[in-house]
Structures are given as C-alpha cells and as structure tokens.
Amino acid sequence: MVDFLDHIDVLILKELQKDAKLTTKELAAKVNLSPSPTFERQKRLEREGYIKRYVAVVDPIKTGNGIMVLCNVSLKHHSKEYSRQFTSVIADIDEVVECFNTSGDYDYMLKIYARDMRHYQDLVLGTFGELDCIGSLHSIFVIGEVKNTGEICIFAS
C-alpha cells in the first residue's frame, strides 16, 4: 500500500497526525493544494486504511490516572487456548490501553494506566490473578515520559 503514497499524501498524513481537527481549507493551505483535491485525497486515505480513525489525546494525569505501567506478561504455556483466553480478557480491561504480542523473554507487553498503586495492585491480584493462563508478570513503573508524539514516520514511494 505504501507504494501509492506521493509527497502530498505524506504531507496530508503528517499534518493530520499533528492536528486531526484541521478543516479541509486549513489542511489544503498547509499542503499547498486547493480544498477539493485535498478533501478527495483525505477521503481516499481513509477508505484505503491509511487513516484508521480520529482520536482526542487525553491527558492521563488530569483524568485521574496517576501512574503508567509497562507490564510484561509470560503465559504458562504457548498454546492457542491460553493466547485466546489472555487476549479476549485484555481486550475488555479499560486500564490496558495497548497490548503487544512480543518476542523474547515475555509473550506480551501491556501499557496500563491506573489511578494509583492500590488500583494497580487490585488489577494485578484481582483481574490478572484470575487468569489461569498467566505464568508471570513483570511490572515497570514509568517515572517520566521523555517522548510521546503518537505520530509515526511516513515515507513516500
């Protein structure tokens, strides 16, 4: 799919990553194109799946999420059943905002927001503790965030 992006498509995607609330007219001015073709390109990028969705970036601290945890998870056994059980439960836990199936020492890495340590402890002992498929957890508490743009690199063909 990336082969079909030209430099204008790349500019549109970069600008929308910075500010998804840009009007078509504002976006067109930023990419040096008239509004009509800008609108058509944006709609094509949506249709073709380059733009998955539009979201508001919410401040976790202001919304009561005092800690961020990166939690590495190892399953008891590598089986489809355990993997399905784990991923189906994780999908419904609001505190888990990202889940990655990883290689190496752990099977999954979770990005979790919690109000405080008690909240995280309840999540670990209650929710995760109920899952028979989990072999071990390794929690890393984030002290500070150095960079989090939410933007990905985009390359033209």
N, C-alpha and C. Protein backbone atom coordinates (compact mmCIF):
# COMPACT_ATOMS: atom_id res chain seq x y z
N MET A 1 0.81 -1.21 0.00
CA MET A 1 0.00 0.00 0.00
C MET A 1 0.85 1.27 0.00
N VAL A 2 1.97 1.24 0.68
CA VAL A 2 2.80 2.43 0.80
C VAL A 2 3.27 2.91 -0.57
N ASP A 3 3.32 2.03 -1.56
CA ASP A 3 3.79 2.41 -2.89
C ASP A 3 2.91 3.47 -3.54
N PHE A 4 1.69 3.65 -3.08
CA PHE A 4 0.77 4.58 -3.71
C PHE A 4 0.74 5.95 -3.04
N LEU A 5 1.57 6.18 -2.05
CA LEU A 5 1.62 7.48 -1.40
C LEU A 5 2.60 8.40 -2.13
N ASP A 6 2.11 9.54 -2.52
CA ASP A 6 3.03 10.53 -3.07
C ASP A 6 3.35 11.56 -1.99
N HIS A 7 4.13 12.55 -2.33
CA HIS A 7 4.57 13.52 -1.31
C HIS A 7 3.39 14.32 -0.73
N ILE A 8 2.35 14.56 -1.49
CA ILE A 8 1.17 15.29 -0.98
C ILE A 8 0.42 14.42 0.02
N ASP A 9 0.26 13.13 -0.29
CA ASP A 9 -0.38 12.21 0.66
C ASP A 9 0.39 12.18 1.98
N VAL A 10 1.71 12.13 1.88
CA VAL A 10 2.55 12.10 3.08
C VAL A 10 2.35 13.39 3.88
N LEU A 11 2.32 14.53 3.21
CA LEU A 11 2.10 15.81 3.91
C LEU A 11 0.74 15.82 4.60
N ILE A 12 -0.28 15.35 3.92
CA ILE A 12 -1.63 15.30 4.50
C ILE A 12 -1.62 14.44 5.77
N LEU A 13 -1.02 13.26 5.69
CA LEU A 13 -0.97 12.38 6.85
C LEU A 13 -0.18 13.00 8.00
N LYS A 14 0.93 13.64 7.68
CA LYS A 14 1.74 14.28 8.73
C LYS A 14 0.97 15.40 9.42
N GLU A 15 0.30 16.22 8.64
CA GLU A 15 -0.46 17.34 9.21
C GLU A 15 -1.63 16.85 10.06
N LEU A 16 -2.32 15.82 9.59
CA LEU A 16 -3.45 15.28 10.35
C LEU A 16 -3.00 14.60 11.63
N GLN A 17 -1.79 14.03 11.64
CA GLN A 17 -1.26 13.46 12.88
C GLN A 17 -0.99 14.55 13.91
N LYS A 18 -0.59 15.72 13.44
CA LYS A 18 -0.34 16.84 14.35
C LYS A 18 -1.64 17.44 14.87
N ASP A 19 -2.65 17.53 13.98
CA ASP A 19 -3.92 18.14 14.36
C ASP A 19 -5.03 17.59 13.48
N ALA A 20 -5.76 16.62 14.00
CA ALA A 20 -6.83 15.97 13.24
C ALA A 20 -8.07 16.86 13.10
N LYS A 21 -8.10 17.98 13.81
CA LYS A 21 -9.26 18.87 13.74
C LYS A 21 -9.12 19.94 12.65
N LEU A 22 -8.06 19.87 11.86
CA LEU A 22 -7.90 20.83 10.77
C LEU A 22 -9.09 20.76 9.82
N THR A 23 -9.58 21.91 9.41
CA THR A 23 -10.61 21.93 8.39
C THR A 23 -9.95 21.59 7.05
N THR A 24 -10.75 21.24 6.08
CA THR A 24 -10.21 20.94 4.75
C THR A 24 -9.47 22.15 4.20
N LYS A 25 -10.01 23.33 4.42
CA LYS A 25 -9.38 24.55 3.94
C LYS A 25 -8.02 24.77 4.61
N GLU A 26 -7.95 24.56 5.92
CA GLU A 26 -6.68 24.71 6.64
C GLU A 26 -5.66 23.67 6.19
N LEU A 27 -6.12 22.44 6.03
CA LEU A 27 -5.24 21.36 5.59
C LEU A 27 -4.71 21.64 4.18
N ALA A 28 -5.59 22.10 3.32
CA ALA A 28 -5.20 22.42 1.94
C ALA A 28 -4.11 23.49 1.91
N ALA A 29 -4.24 24.50 2.75
CA ALA A 29 -3.23 25.57 2.81
C ALA A 29 -1.89 25.01 3.27
N LYS A 30 -1.91 24.09 4.21
CA LYS A 30 -0.67 23.52 4.74
C LYS A 30 0.05 22.62 3.74
N VAL A 31 -0.70 22.00 2.83
CA VAL A 31 -0.08 21.11 1.84
C VAL A 31 0.00 21.74 0.45
N ASN A 32 -0.35 23.02 0.36
CA ASN A 32 -0.27 23.78 -0.89
C ASN A 32 -1.07 23.14 -2.02
N LEU A 33 -2.34 22.86 -1.71
CA LEU A 33 -3.26 22.27 -2.67
C LEU A 33 -4.62 22.93 -2.44
N SER A 34 -5.47 22.94 -3.43
CA SER A 34 -6.80 23.52 -3.23
C SER A 34 -7.66 22.57 -2.39
N PRO A 35 -8.71 23.09 -1.76
CA PRO A 35 -9.52 22.28 -0.85
C PRO A 35 -10.16 21.03 -1.46
N SER A 36 -10.68 21.13 -2.68
CA SER A 36 -11.37 19.98 -3.25
C SER A 36 -10.47 18.75 -3.43
N PRO A 37 -9.31 18.88 -4.07
CA PRO A 37 -8.45 17.70 -4.17
C PRO A 37 -7.89 17.24 -2.82
N THR A 38 -7.71 18.18 -1.89
CA THR A 38 -7.26 17.81 -0.54
C THR A 38 -8.32 16.94 0.12
N PHE A 39 -9.58 17.35 0.02
CA PHE A 39 -10.68 16.58 0.59
C PHE A 39 -10.75 15.19 -0.02
N GLU A 40 -10.63 15.11 -1.34
CA GLU A 40 -10.68 13.81 -2.03
C GLU A 40 -9.53 12.90 -1.61
N ARG A 41 -8.35 13.48 -1.47
CA ARG A 41 -7.19 12.69 -1.04
C ARG A 41 -7.39 12.17 0.39
N GLN A 42 -7.89 13.04 1.26
CA GLN A 42 -8.11 12.63 2.64
C GLN A 42 -9.13 11.49 2.71
N LYS A 43 -10.20 11.61 1.95
CA LYS A 43 -11.22 10.55 1.93
C LYS A 43 -10.64 9.24 1.36
N ARG A 44 -9.79 9.34 0.34
CA ARG A 44 -9.15 8.14 -0.21
C ARG A 44 -8.24 7.50 0.83
N LEU A 45 -7.48 8.32 1.56
CA LEU A 45 -6.59 7.79 2.60
C LEU A 45 -7.39 7.09 3.70
N GLU A 46 -8.58 7.59 3.99
CA GLU A 46 -9.47 6.94 4.97
C GLU A 46 -9.98 5.61 4.40
N ARG A 47 -10.49 5.65 3.16
CA ARG A 47 -11.04 4.44 2.53
C ARG A 47 -10.01 3.33 2.43
N GLU A 48 -8.78 3.69 2.09
CA GLU A 48 -7.73 2.70 1.88
C GLU A 48 -7.06 2.26 3.18
N GLY A 49 -7.49 2.82 4.31
CA GLY A 49 -6.99 2.36 5.61
C GLY A 49 -5.71 3.01 6.10
N TYR A 50 -5.21 4.02 5.39
CA TYR A 50 -4.04 4.73 5.90
C TYR A 50 -4.41 5.51 7.16
N ILE A 51 -5.60 6.07 7.16
CA ILE A 51 -6.14 6.74 8.34
C ILE A 51 -7.15 5.78 8.95
N LYS A 52 -6.82 5.27 10.13
CA LYS A 52 -7.68 4.29 10.78
C LYS A 52 -8.84 4.94 11.52
N ARG A 53 -8.55 6.05 12.21
CA ARG A 53 -9.58 6.75 12.99
C ARG A 53 -9.02 8.08 13.45
N TYR A 54 -9.89 8.90 13.98
CA TYR A 54 -9.50 10.18 14.55
C TYR A 54 -9.78 10.12 16.05
N VAL A 55 -8.80 10.56 16.85
CA VAL A 55 -8.95 10.48 18.30
C VAL A 55 -8.52 11.78 18.97
N ALA A 56 -9.01 11.97 20.18
CA ALA A 56 -8.53 13.06 21.03
C ALA A 56 -7.47 12.48 21.95
N VAL A 57 -6.35 13.17 22.09
CA VAL A 57 -5.31 12.73 23.01
C VAL A 57 -5.64 13.34 24.37
N VAL A 58 -5.96 12.48 25.32
CA VAL A 58 -6.41 12.90 26.63
C VAL A 58 -5.25 12.86 27.61
N ASP A 59 -5.16 13.85 28.48
CA ASP A 59 -4.12 13.91 29.49
C ASP A 59 -4.42 12.91 30.60
N PRO A 60 -3.58 11.89 30.78
CA PRO A 60 -3.88 10.86 31.79
C PRO A 60 -3.88 11.40 33.22
N ILE A 61 -3.01 12.32 33.53
CA ILE A 61 -2.94 12.86 34.89
C ILE A 61 -4.21 13.64 35.22
N LYS A 62 -4.66 14.47 34.30
CA LYS A 62 -5.87 15.27 34.54
C LYS A 62 -7.12 14.41 34.65
N THR A 63 -7.06 13.19 34.10
CA THR A 63 -8.21 12.30 34.18
C THR A 63 -8.09 11.28 35.30
N GLY A 64 -7.14 11.52 36.21
CA GLY A 64 -7.04 10.69 37.41
C GLY A 64 -6.17 9.45 37.29
N ASN A 65 -5.43 9.35 36.22
CA ASN A 65 -4.54 8.19 36.04
C ASN A 65 -3.13 8.59 36.46
N GLY A 66 -2.81 8.37 37.72
CA GLY A 66 -1.55 8.84 38.29
C GLY A 66 -0.32 8.05 37.90
N ILE A 67 -0.50 6.81 37.48
CA ILE A 67 0.67 6.03 37.11
C ILE A 67 0.47 5.31 35.78
N MET A 68 1.59 5.18 35.08
CA MET A 68 1.64 4.39 33.86
C MET A 68 2.55 3.21 34.13
N VAL A 69 2.11 2.03 33.72
CA VAL A 69 2.88 0.81 33.94
C VAL A 69 3.06 0.09 32.61
N LEU A 70 4.28 -0.36 32.38
CA LEU A 70 4.54 -1.27 31.27
C LEU A 70 4.66 -2.64 31.91
N CYS A 71 3.77 -3.52 31.55
CA CYS A 71 3.69 -4.82 32.20
C CYS A 71 4.01 -5.92 31.20
N ASN A 72 5.08 -6.65 31.46
CA ASN A 72 5.45 -7.79 30.62
C ASN A 72 4.78 -9.04 31.17
N VAL A 73 4.19 -9.81 30.28
CA VAL A 73 3.43 -10.99 30.69
C VAL A 73 3.99 -12.23 29.99
N SER A 74 4.17 -13.28 30.77
CA SER A 74 4.51 -14.58 30.21
C SER A 74 3.34 -15.51 30.46
N LEU A 75 2.94 -16.23 29.43
CA LEU A 75 1.89 -17.23 29.59
C LEU A 75 2.50 -18.50 30.19
N LYS A 76 1.66 -19.31 30.84
CA LYS A 76 2.14 -20.57 31.41
C LYS A 76 2.66 -21.50 30.32
N HIS A 77 1.94 -21.56 29.21
CA HIS A 77 2.30 -22.41 28.07
C HIS A 77 2.00 -21.65 26.79
N HIS A 78 2.74 -21.96 25.76
CA HIS A 78 2.45 -21.36 24.46
C HIS A 78 1.41 -22.22 23.75
N SER A 79 0.16 -21.81 23.88
CA SER A 79 -0.91 -22.54 23.22
C SER A 79 -1.94 -21.55 22.71
N LYS A 80 -2.67 -21.95 21.68
CA LYS A 80 -3.73 -21.10 21.13
C LYS A 80 -4.78 -20.81 22.19
N GLU A 81 -5.10 -21.81 23.00
CA GLU A 81 -6.13 -21.64 24.03
C GLU A 81 -5.73 -20.57 25.04
N TYR A 82 -4.51 -20.62 25.55
CA TYR A 82 -4.05 -19.62 26.52
C TYR A 82 -3.95 -18.24 25.89
N SER A 83 -3.47 -18.20 24.67
CA SER A 83 -3.36 -16.92 23.97
C SER A 83 -4.73 -16.30 23.75
N ARG A 84 -5.69 -17.10 23.32
CA ARG A 84 -7.06 -16.60 23.10
C ARG A 84 -7.68 -16.13 24.42
N GLN A 85 -7.49 -16.92 25.47
CA GLN A 85 -8.05 -16.55 26.78
C GLN A 85 -7.47 -15.21 27.22
N PHE A 86 -6.16 -15.08 27.13
CA PHE A 86 -5.49 -13.84 27.56
C PHE A 86 -5.95 -12.64 26.75
N THR A 87 -5.89 -12.74 25.43
CA THR A 87 -6.24 -11.58 24.59
C THR A 87 -7.70 -11.21 24.68
N SER A 88 -8.59 -12.17 24.89
CA SER A 88 -10.01 -11.83 24.99
C SER A 88 -10.30 -11.08 26.28
N VAL A 89 -9.64 -11.44 27.37
CA VAL A 89 -9.84 -10.73 28.64
C VAL A 89 -9.20 -9.35 28.57
N ILE A 90 -7.98 -9.26 28.04
CA ILE A 90 -7.26 -7.98 27.96
C ILE A 90 -8.04 -6.96 27.14
N ALA A 91 -8.70 -7.41 26.10
CA ALA A 91 -9.47 -6.50 25.23
C ALA A 91 -10.56 -5.76 25.99
N ASP A 92 -11.03 -6.33 27.10
CA ASP A 92 -12.12 -5.71 27.86
C ASP A 92 -11.67 -4.97 29.11
N ILE A 93 -10.37 -4.83 29.34
CA ILE A 93 -9.87 -4.12 30.51
C ILE A 93 -9.55 -2.68 30.11
N ASP A 94 -10.32 -1.74 30.62
CA ASP A 94 -10.15 -0.33 30.24
C ASP A 94 -8.77 0.22 30.58
N GLU A 95 -8.19 -0.22 31.67
CA GLU A 95 -6.88 0.30 32.10
C GLU A 95 -5.77 -0.07 31.12
N VAL A 96 -5.95 -1.17 30.38
CA VAL A 96 -4.96 -1.59 29.39
C VAL A 96 -5.25 -0.83 28.10
N VAL A 97 -4.35 0.09 27.74
CA VAL A 97 -4.58 0.91 26.56
C VAL A 97 -3.83 0.40 25.33
N GLU A 98 -2.81 -0.42 25.55
CA GLU A 98 -2.09 -1.03 24.45
C GLU A 98 -1.65 -2.42 24.87
N CYS A 99 -1.66 -3.35 23.92
CA CYS A 99 -1.21 -4.72 24.18
C CYS A 99 -0.45 -5.19 22.95
N PHE A 100 0.76 -5.66 23.17
CA PHE A 100 1.60 -6.13 22.08
C PHE A 100 2.01 -7.57 22.32
N ASN A 101 1.90 -8.41 21.31
CA ASN A 101 2.44 -9.77 21.35
C ASN A 101 3.92 -9.63 20.99
N THR A 102 4.82 -10.06 21.87
CA THR A 102 6.24 -9.79 21.68
C THR A 102 7.06 -11.06 21.59
N SER A 103 8.29 -10.90 21.11
CA SER A 103 9.25 -11.99 21.12
C SER A 103 10.19 -11.78 22.30
N GLY A 104 11.00 -12.75 22.58
CA GLY A 104 11.97 -12.61 23.67
C GLY A 104 11.50 -13.28 24.94
N ASP A 105 11.85 -12.69 26.07
CA ASP A 105 11.57 -13.30 27.37
C ASP A 105 10.10 -13.28 27.76
N TYR A 106 9.31 -12.40 27.16
CA TYR A 106 7.90 -12.28 27.52
C TYR A 106 7.03 -12.47 26.29
N ASP A 107 5.79 -12.85 26.52
CA ASP A 107 4.86 -13.08 25.42
C ASP A 107 4.07 -11.83 25.03
N TYR A 108 3.79 -10.97 26.02
CA TYR A 108 3.01 -9.76 25.78
C TYR A 108 3.58 -8.61 26.58
N MET A 109 3.40 -7.41 26.05
CA MET A 109 3.70 -6.20 26.80
C MET A 109 2.43 -5.36 26.81
N LEU A 110 2.05 -4.92 28.00
CA LEU A 110 0.85 -4.10 28.18
C LEU A 110 1.25 -2.70 28.62
N LYS A 111 0.55 -1.72 28.09
CA LYS A 111 0.66 -0.35 28.60
C LYS A 111 -0.62 -0.11 29.38
N ILE A 112 -0.45 0.20 30.66
CA ILE A 112 -1.58 0.30 31.57
C ILE A 112 -1.56 1.65 32.28
N TYR A 113 -2.73 2.27 32.41
CA TYR A 113 -2.88 3.46 33.24
C TYR A 113 -3.73 3.09 34.44
N ALA A 114 -3.31 3.53 35.63
CA ALA A 114 -4.06 3.28 36.86
C ALA A 114 -4.07 4.55 37.72
N ARG A 115 -5.08 4.65 38.58
CA ARG A 115 -5.18 5.82 39.46
C ARG A 115 -3.97 5.93 40.38
N ASP A 116 -3.61 4.79 40.99
CA ASP A 116 -2.53 4.77 41.97
C ASP A 116 -2.06 3.32 42.13
N MET A 117 -1.13 3.12 43.07
CA MET A 117 -0.58 1.78 43.27
C MET A 117 -1.64 0.79 43.75
N ARG A 118 -2.56 1.25 44.59
CA ARG A 118 -3.63 0.37 45.08
C ARG A 118 -4.49 -0.12 43.92
N HIS A 119 -4.83 0.80 43.03
CA HIS A 119 -5.61 0.45 41.85
C HIS A 119 -4.87 -0.59 41.01
N TYR A 120 -3.57 -0.37 40.80
CA TYR A 120 -2.79 -1.32 40.01
C TYR A 120 -2.70 -2.67 40.72
N GLN A 121 -2.51 -2.65 42.02
CA GLN A 121 -2.45 -3.89 42.79
C GLN A 121 -3.76 -4.67 42.67
N ASP A 122 -4.88 -3.96 42.74
CA ASP A 122 -6.19 -4.62 42.58
C ASP A 122 -6.32 -5.25 41.19
N LEU A 123 -5.81 -4.56 40.20
CA LEU A 123 -5.85 -5.08 38.83
C LEU A 123 -5.00 -6.35 38.72
N VAL A 124 -3.80 -6.31 39.28
CA VAL A 124 -2.90 -7.46 39.21
C VAL A 124 -3.45 -8.65 40.00
N LEU A 125 -3.84 -8.40 41.24
CA LEU A 125 -4.30 -9.50 42.09
C LEU A 125 -5.70 -9.98 41.72
N GLY A 126 -6.55 -9.03 41.35
CA GLY A 126 -7.92 -9.40 41.00
C GLY A 126 -8.04 -9.91 39.59
N THR A 127 -7.97 -9.02 38.65
CA THR A 127 -8.21 -9.36 37.24
C THR A 127 -7.17 -10.32 36.69
N PHE A 128 -5.88 -9.94 36.78
CA PHE A 128 -4.84 -10.81 36.22
C PHE A 128 -4.69 -12.09 37.04
N GLY A 129 -4.88 -11.98 38.35
CA GLY A 129 -4.76 -13.14 39.22
C GLY A 129 -5.81 -14.21 38.94
N GLU A 130 -6.91 -13.82 38.33
CA GLU A 130 -7.98 -14.76 37.99
C GLU A 130 -7.68 -15.54 36.71
N LEU A 131 -6.70 -15.11 35.96
CA LEU A 131 -6.40 -15.75 34.67
C LEU A 131 -5.43 -16.91 34.87
N ASP A 132 -5.90 -18.10 34.60
CA ASP A 132 -5.08 -19.29 34.76
C ASP A 132 -3.97 -19.36 33.72
N CYS A 133 -4.11 -18.63 32.65
CA CYS A 133 -3.13 -18.72 31.56
C CYS A 133 -1.84 -17.95 31.84
N ILE A 134 -1.85 -17.02 32.80
CA ILE A 134 -0.67 -16.20 33.07
C ILE A 134 0.31 -16.95 33.95
N GLY A 135 1.56 -17.00 33.48
CA GLY A 135 2.62 -17.63 34.24
C GLY A 135 3.33 -16.63 35.14
N SER A 136 3.63 -15.44 34.58
CA SER A 136 4.31 -14.41 35.37
C SER A 136 4.07 -13.02 34.79
N LEU A 137 4.21 -12.04 35.67
CA LEU A 137 4.10 -10.62 35.30
C LEU A 137 5.37 -9.91 35.75
N HIS A 138 5.79 -8.95 34.96
CA HIS A 138 6.93 -8.11 35.33
C HIS A 138 6.51 -6.66 35.08
N SER A 139 6.34 -5.90 36.16
CA SER A 139 5.84 -4.53 36.05
C SER A 139 6.97 -3.52 36.07
N ILE A 140 6.88 -2.57 35.15
CA ILE A 140 7.83 -1.46 35.08
C ILE A 140 7.02 -0.18 35.26
N PHE A 141 7.32 0.57 36.32
CA PHE A 141 6.58 1.80 36.59
C PHE A 141 7.28 2.97 35.94
N VAL A 142 6.55 3.70 35.12
CA VAL A 142 7.12 4.82 34.37
C VAL A 142 7.26 6.02 35.30
N ILE A 143 8.48 6.51 35.42
CA ILE A 143 8.77 7.66 36.28
C ILE A 143 8.47 8.96 35.55
N GLY A 144 8.81 9.01 34.28
CA GLY A 144 8.57 10.22 33.49
C GLY A 144 8.55 9.87 32.02
N GLU A 145 7.84 10.67 31.26
CA GLU A 145 7.71 10.45 29.83
C GLU A 145 8.64 11.41 29.10
N VAL A 146 9.55 10.88 28.32
CA VAL A 146 10.51 11.69 27.59
C VAL A 146 9.96 12.11 26.24
N LYS A 147 9.30 11.19 25.53
CA LYS A 147 8.74 11.50 24.21
C LYS A 147 7.51 10.64 23.97
N ASN A 148 6.45 11.26 23.54
CA ASN A 148 5.23 10.54 23.18
C ASN A 148 4.46 11.40 22.20
N THR A 149 4.82 11.32 20.93
CA THR A 149 4.15 12.14 19.92
C THR A 149 2.90 11.46 19.39
N GLY A 150 2.88 10.14 19.42
CA GLY A 150 1.77 9.40 18.83
C GLY A 150 1.84 9.40 17.31
N GLU A 151 2.86 10.05 16.75
CA GLU A 151 2.99 10.14 15.30
C GLU A 151 3.94 9.07 14.79
N ILE A 152 3.63 8.52 13.62
CA ILE A 152 4.52 7.55 13.00
C ILE A 152 5.20 8.17 11.79
N CYS A 153 6.37 7.64 11.45
CA CYS A 153 7.09 8.10 10.25
C CYS A 153 6.33 7.62 9.01
N ILE A 154 6.26 8.47 8.03
CA ILE A 154 5.57 8.13 6.79
C ILE A 154 6.53 8.39 5.64
N PHE A 155 6.63 7.42 4.75
CA PHE A 155 7.56 7.52 3.63
C PHE A 155 6.79 7.52 2.33
N ALA A 156 7.20 8.41 1.43
CA ALA A 156 6.62 8.44 0.08
C ALA A 156 7.27 7.36 -0.76
N SER A 157 6.58 6.96 -1.82
CA SER A 157 7.16 5.92 -2.69
C SER A 157 8.18 6.51 -3.62
